[in-house]
N, C-alpha and C. Protein backbone atom coordinates (compact mmCIF):
# COMPACT_ATOMS: atom_id res chain seq x y z
N MET A 1 13.58 89.26 205.36
CA MET A 1 14.29 89.30 204.34
C MET A 1 13.46 89.84 203.20
N ILE A 2 12.12 89.21 203.41
CA ILE A 2 11.64 89.45 201.95
C ILE A 2 10.80 91.12 202.12
N ASN A 3 10.94 91.72 203.44
CA ASN A 3 10.68 93.11 203.76
C ASN A 3 11.62 94.10 203.01
N ALA A 4 13.20 93.64 203.53
CA ALA A 4 14.15 94.31 203.12
C ALA A 4 14.21 94.41 201.71
N ARG A 5 13.75 93.27 200.80
CA ARG A 5 13.74 93.23 199.28
C ARG A 5 12.69 94.11 198.96
N ILE A 6 11.61 94.22 199.68
CA ILE A 6 10.40 95.11 199.22
C ILE A 6 10.75 96.62 199.19
N LEU A 7 11.44 96.74 200.62
CA LEU A 7 11.82 98.12 200.91
C LEU A 7 12.69 98.91 199.82
N ILE A 8 13.94 97.73 199.57
CA ILE A 8 14.64 98.17 198.31
C ILE A 8 14.06 98.55 196.86
N VAL A 9 13.04 97.84 196.49
CA VAL A 9 12.52 98.09 195.56
C VAL A 9 11.62 99.20 195.12
N ALA A 10 10.96 99.39 196.54
CA ALA A 10 9.90 100.67 196.78
C ALA A 10 10.85 101.79 196.46
N LEU A 11 12.19 101.67 197.09
CA LEU A 11 13.26 103.17 197.09
C LEU A 11 13.59 103.16 196.05
N ILE A 12 13.85 102.17 194.90
CA ILE A 12 14.33 102.46 193.54
C ILE A 12 13.17 102.89 192.82
N LEU A 13 12.19 102.13 192.99
CA LEU A 13 10.93 102.79 191.99
C LEU A 13 10.98 104.32 192.32
N LEU A 14 10.67 104.57 193.91
CA LEU A 14 10.80 106.20 194.29
C LEU A 14 11.70 107.16 193.65
N LEU A 15 12.85 106.62 193.36
CA LEU A 15 14.06 107.40 193.23
C LEU A 15 13.86 107.40 191.65
N SER A 16 13.65 106.64 191.31
CA SER A 16 13.52 106.31 189.58
C SER A 16 12.61 107.31 189.18
N ALA A 17 11.26 107.91 189.99
CA ALA A 17 10.14 108.32 189.62
C ALA A 17 10.37 109.86 189.81
N CYS A 18 11.55 110.21 190.88
CA CYS A 18 11.98 111.25 190.92
C CYS A 18 12.74 112.03 189.99
N ALA A 19 13.94 111.00 188.98
CA ALA A 19 14.20 111.17 188.43
C ALA A 19 13.75 111.29 187.20
N THR A 20 12.78 111.24 186.82
CA THR A 20 12.07 111.01 185.50
C THR A 20 11.24 112.03 185.34
N GLU A 21 10.71 113.23 186.39
CA GLU A 21 9.80 114.22 186.22
C GLU A 21 10.44 115.46 186.92
N PRO A 22 10.20 116.41 185.83
CA PRO A 22 10.87 117.77 186.63
C PRO A 22 10.43 117.83 188.15
N PRO A 23 10.92 118.66 188.64
CA PRO A 23 10.70 119.00 190.23
C PRO A 23 10.12 120.04 190.25
N VAL A 24 8.67 120.03 190.09
CA VAL A 24 8.18 121.54 189.73
C VAL A 24 7.31 121.87 190.80
N GLN A 25 6.98 121.00 192.19
CA GLN A 25 7.08 121.73 193.57
C GLN A 25 7.90 122.39 193.77
N MET A 26 9.25 121.63 194.01
CA MET A 26 10.33 122.28 194.53
C MET A 26 10.83 123.52 193.76
N MET A 27 10.88 123.53 192.67
CA MET A 27 10.83 124.92 192.18
C MET A 27 10.27 125.71 192.65
N SER A 28 8.88 125.52 192.49
CA SER A 28 7.81 126.63 192.77
C SER A 28 8.42 127.13 194.43
N ASP A 29 8.35 126.18 195.30
CA ASP A 29 9.16 126.35 196.63
C ASP A 29 10.25 127.29 196.72
N ALA A 30 11.25 127.02 196.04
CA ALA A 30 12.28 127.67 195.68
C ALA A 30 12.16 128.98 195.31
N ARG A 31 11.41 129.26 194.41
CA ARG A 31 11.38 130.56 193.76
C ARG A 31 10.37 131.27 195.05
N GLN A 32 9.58 130.86 195.31
CA GLN A 32 8.68 131.11 196.46
C GLN A 32 9.56 131.79 198.07
N ALA A 33 10.59 131.06 198.37
CA ALA A 33 11.37 131.51 199.42
C ALA A 33 12.16 132.20 198.81
N ILE A 34 13.01 132.35 197.49
CA ILE A 34 13.63 133.49 197.14
C ILE A 34 12.96 135.09 197.01
N ALA A 35 11.86 134.82 196.51
CA ALA A 35 10.85 136.14 196.13
C ALA A 35 10.32 136.90 197.85
N ALA A 36 10.59 135.99 198.71
CA ALA A 36 10.17 136.50 200.12
C ALA A 36 11.50 136.90 200.56
N ALA A 37 12.36 136.47 200.24
CA ALA A 37 13.77 136.91 200.85
C ALA A 37 13.90 138.01 199.77
N GLU A 38 13.93 138.19 199.15
CA GLU A 38 14.19 139.84 198.23
C GLU A 38 13.18 140.81 198.29
N GLU A 39 12.17 140.39 199.39
CA GLU A 39 11.34 141.51 199.38
C GLU A 39 11.32 142.08 200.99
N ALA A 40 12.06 140.97 201.58
CA ALA A 40 12.61 141.33 202.92
C ALA A 40 13.98 141.96 202.93
N ASP A 41 14.63 142.75 201.83
CA ASP A 41 15.80 143.03 201.40
C ASP A 41 16.94 142.46 201.86
N ALA A 42 17.05 141.35 201.31
CA ALA A 42 17.79 139.87 201.59
C ALA A 42 19.03 140.72 200.87
N PRO A 43 19.15 141.33 199.32
CA PRO A 43 20.30 141.47 198.59
C PRO A 43 20.93 142.49 199.30
N ARG A 44 20.61 143.53 200.32
CA ARG A 44 21.16 144.35 200.72
C ARG A 44 21.58 143.80 202.07
N LEU A 45 20.96 143.21 202.55
CA LEU A 45 21.30 142.38 204.19
C LEU A 45 21.81 141.36 204.36
N ALA A 46 21.73 140.31 203.51
CA ALA A 46 22.33 139.09 203.32
C ALA A 46 22.79 138.41 202.11
N PRO A 47 23.94 139.53 201.41
CA PRO A 47 23.71 139.08 199.91
C PRO A 47 24.30 137.84 199.58
N VAL A 48 25.08 137.00 200.36
CA VAL A 48 26.04 135.83 200.21
C VAL A 48 24.69 134.73 199.88
N PRO A 49 24.04 134.58 201.44
CA PRO A 49 22.75 133.53 200.86
C PRO A 49 21.95 134.05 199.85
N ILE A 50 21.71 135.08 199.54
CA ILE A 50 20.57 134.96 198.53
C ILE A 50 21.08 135.26 197.08
N ALA A 51 22.39 135.53 196.94
CA ALA A 51 22.88 135.29 195.87
C ALA A 51 23.15 133.58 195.62
N GLU A 52 23.72 132.88 196.66
CA GLU A 52 23.65 131.36 196.10
C GLU A 52 22.43 131.15 195.85
N ALA A 53 21.08 131.26 196.75
CA ALA A 53 20.08 130.96 196.28
C ALA A 53 19.65 131.13 194.67
N ARG A 54 20.12 132.33 194.18
CA ARG A 54 19.89 132.69 192.81
C ARG A 54 20.36 131.94 191.92
N ARG A 55 21.94 131.32 192.30
CA ARG A 55 22.79 130.52 191.45
C ARG A 55 22.32 129.32 191.25
N TYR A 56 21.76 128.56 192.60
CA TYR A 56 21.15 127.43 192.66
C TYR A 56 20.04 126.56 191.76
N ILE A 57 18.94 128.34 191.81
CA ILE A 57 17.77 128.10 190.86
C ILE A 57 18.34 128.48 189.48
N ALA A 58 18.89 128.80 189.06
CA ALA A 58 19.40 129.17 187.69
C ALA A 58 20.10 127.82 187.11
N LEU A 59 20.60 127.30 188.22
CA LEU A 59 21.42 126.26 188.16
C LEU A 59 20.39 125.22 187.77
N ALA A 60 19.22 124.76 188.48
CA ALA A 60 18.32 123.86 188.49
C ALA A 60 17.40 124.06 187.15
N GLU A 61 17.03 125.59 186.82
CA GLU A 61 16.14 125.17 185.63
C GLU A 61 17.37 125.07 184.28
N THR A 62 18.37 125.47 184.55
CA THR A 62 19.60 124.88 182.84
C THR A 62 19.49 123.33 183.45
N GLN A 63 19.51 122.58 184.40
CA GLN A 63 19.34 121.13 184.79
C GLN A 63 18.17 120.49 183.81
N ILE A 64 16.66 121.17 184.57
CA ILE A 64 15.80 120.95 183.80
C ILE A 64 15.31 120.96 182.26
N ARG A 65 15.87 122.07 181.40
CA ARG A 65 16.00 122.28 180.29
C ARG A 65 17.30 120.80 179.76
N ASN A 66 17.66 120.22 180.41
CA ASN A 66 18.61 119.46 179.97
C ASN A 66 18.15 117.93 180.36
N GLY A 67 16.87 117.67 180.80
CA GLY A 67 16.73 116.67 181.59
C GLY A 67 17.48 116.16 182.66
N ASN A 68 18.02 116.71 183.41
CA ASN A 68 18.82 116.25 184.61
C ASN A 68 17.86 116.32 185.78
N PHE A 69 16.64 115.78 185.77
CA PHE A 69 15.61 116.03 186.77
C PHE A 69 16.23 116.15 188.53
N SER A 70 17.42 114.92 188.65
CA SER A 70 17.41 114.57 190.00
C SER A 70 18.59 115.99 190.60
N TYR A 71 19.06 116.19 189.58
CA TYR A 71 20.00 116.99 190.02
C TYR A 71 19.71 118.42 190.30
N ALA A 72 18.33 118.54 189.34
CA ALA A 72 17.75 119.98 189.27
C ALA A 72 16.82 119.76 190.80
N TRP A 73 16.33 118.76 191.10
CA TRP A 73 15.53 118.61 192.44
C TRP A 73 16.81 119.32 193.18
N GLN A 74 17.88 118.91 193.59
CA GLN A 74 18.52 118.47 194.59
C GLN A 74 19.29 120.18 194.45
N ASN A 75 19.28 121.07 193.22
CA ASN A 75 19.36 122.53 193.29
C ASN A 75 18.67 123.36 193.76
N ALA A 76 17.54 122.62 193.25
CA ALA A 76 15.98 123.67 193.51
C ALA A 76 15.89 123.51 195.25
N GLN A 77 16.32 122.24 195.96
CA GLN A 77 16.15 122.15 197.46
C GLN A 77 17.45 123.34 198.01
N ARG A 78 18.84 123.32 197.27
CA ARG A 78 19.53 124.52 197.96
C ARG A 78 19.27 125.76 197.87
N ALA A 79 18.66 125.85 196.62
CA ALA A 79 18.24 127.54 196.36
C ALA A 79 17.21 127.75 197.60
N LYS A 80 16.11 126.97 197.47
CA LYS A 80 15.41 127.28 198.67
C LYS A 80 15.81 127.26 200.19
N ASN A 81 17.27 126.72 200.45
CA ASN A 81 17.46 126.48 201.82
C ASN A 81 18.18 127.92 201.80
N SER A 82 18.95 128.23 200.91
CA SER A 82 19.96 129.34 201.05
C SER A 82 18.96 130.57 200.88
N ALA A 83 17.68 130.33 200.69
CA ALA A 83 16.88 131.53 200.37
C ALA A 83 16.00 131.93 201.74
N VAL A 84 15.94 130.33 202.37
CA VAL A 84 15.55 130.52 203.94
C VAL A 84 16.44 131.10 204.90
N ALA A 85 17.81 130.67 204.35
CA ALA A 85 19.07 131.20 205.41
C ALA A 85 19.23 132.99 205.28
N ALA A 86 19.07 133.35 204.14
CA ALA A 86 18.80 134.74 203.71
C ALA A 86 17.83 135.14 204.75
N LEU A 87 16.60 134.44 204.74
CA LEU A 87 15.66 135.34 205.30
C LEU A 87 15.84 135.61 206.39
N ASN A 88 16.08 134.31 207.09
CA ASN A 88 16.41 133.87 208.98
C ASN A 88 17.50 135.44 208.93
N ALA A 89 18.44 135.03 208.09
CA ALA A 89 19.91 136.58 208.34
C ALA A 89 19.29 137.73 208.87
N VAL A 90 18.23 138.23 207.44
CA VAL A 90 17.61 139.32 207.74
C VAL A 90 16.36 139.59 208.79
N LYS A 91 16.01 138.72 209.36
CA LYS A 91 14.93 138.55 210.49
C LYS A 91 16.22 138.99 211.59
N THR A 92 17.04 138.04 211.89
CA THR A 92 18.07 138.35 213.09
C THR A 92 18.59 139.74 212.83
N ASP A 93 18.98 140.14 211.71
CA ASP A 93 19.45 141.52 211.64
C ASP A 93 18.12 142.20 211.90
N SER A 94 17.57 142.47 211.52
CA SER A 94 16.16 143.21 211.72
C SER A 94 15.76 143.58 213.30
N SER A 95 16.33 142.32 213.95
CA SER A 95 15.80 142.31 215.53
C SER A 95 16.62 142.78 216.17
N ASN A 96 18.04 143.31 215.99
CA ASN A 96 19.29 143.73 216.63
C ASN A 96 18.76 144.72 216.63
């Protein structure tokens, strides 16, 4: 019972810490993934996922400016995932 309470308090503290600071590392990771996908010709070979990545990163940047850091983190993660999907699509297309 005590362990569950400690875990809940720790989780709340962790989540509140994430929500009060900009997601600097996640934004950097997303931008790097987007750049890698763009260098691999994703705009031509995987236009949908790279467009999604760009849209999510722009949304995350707006949310950071507005202080919505938890939403910004989520959209930066989505941007990174979309960029990785674009890069994987390019690699799959190139191997065929």
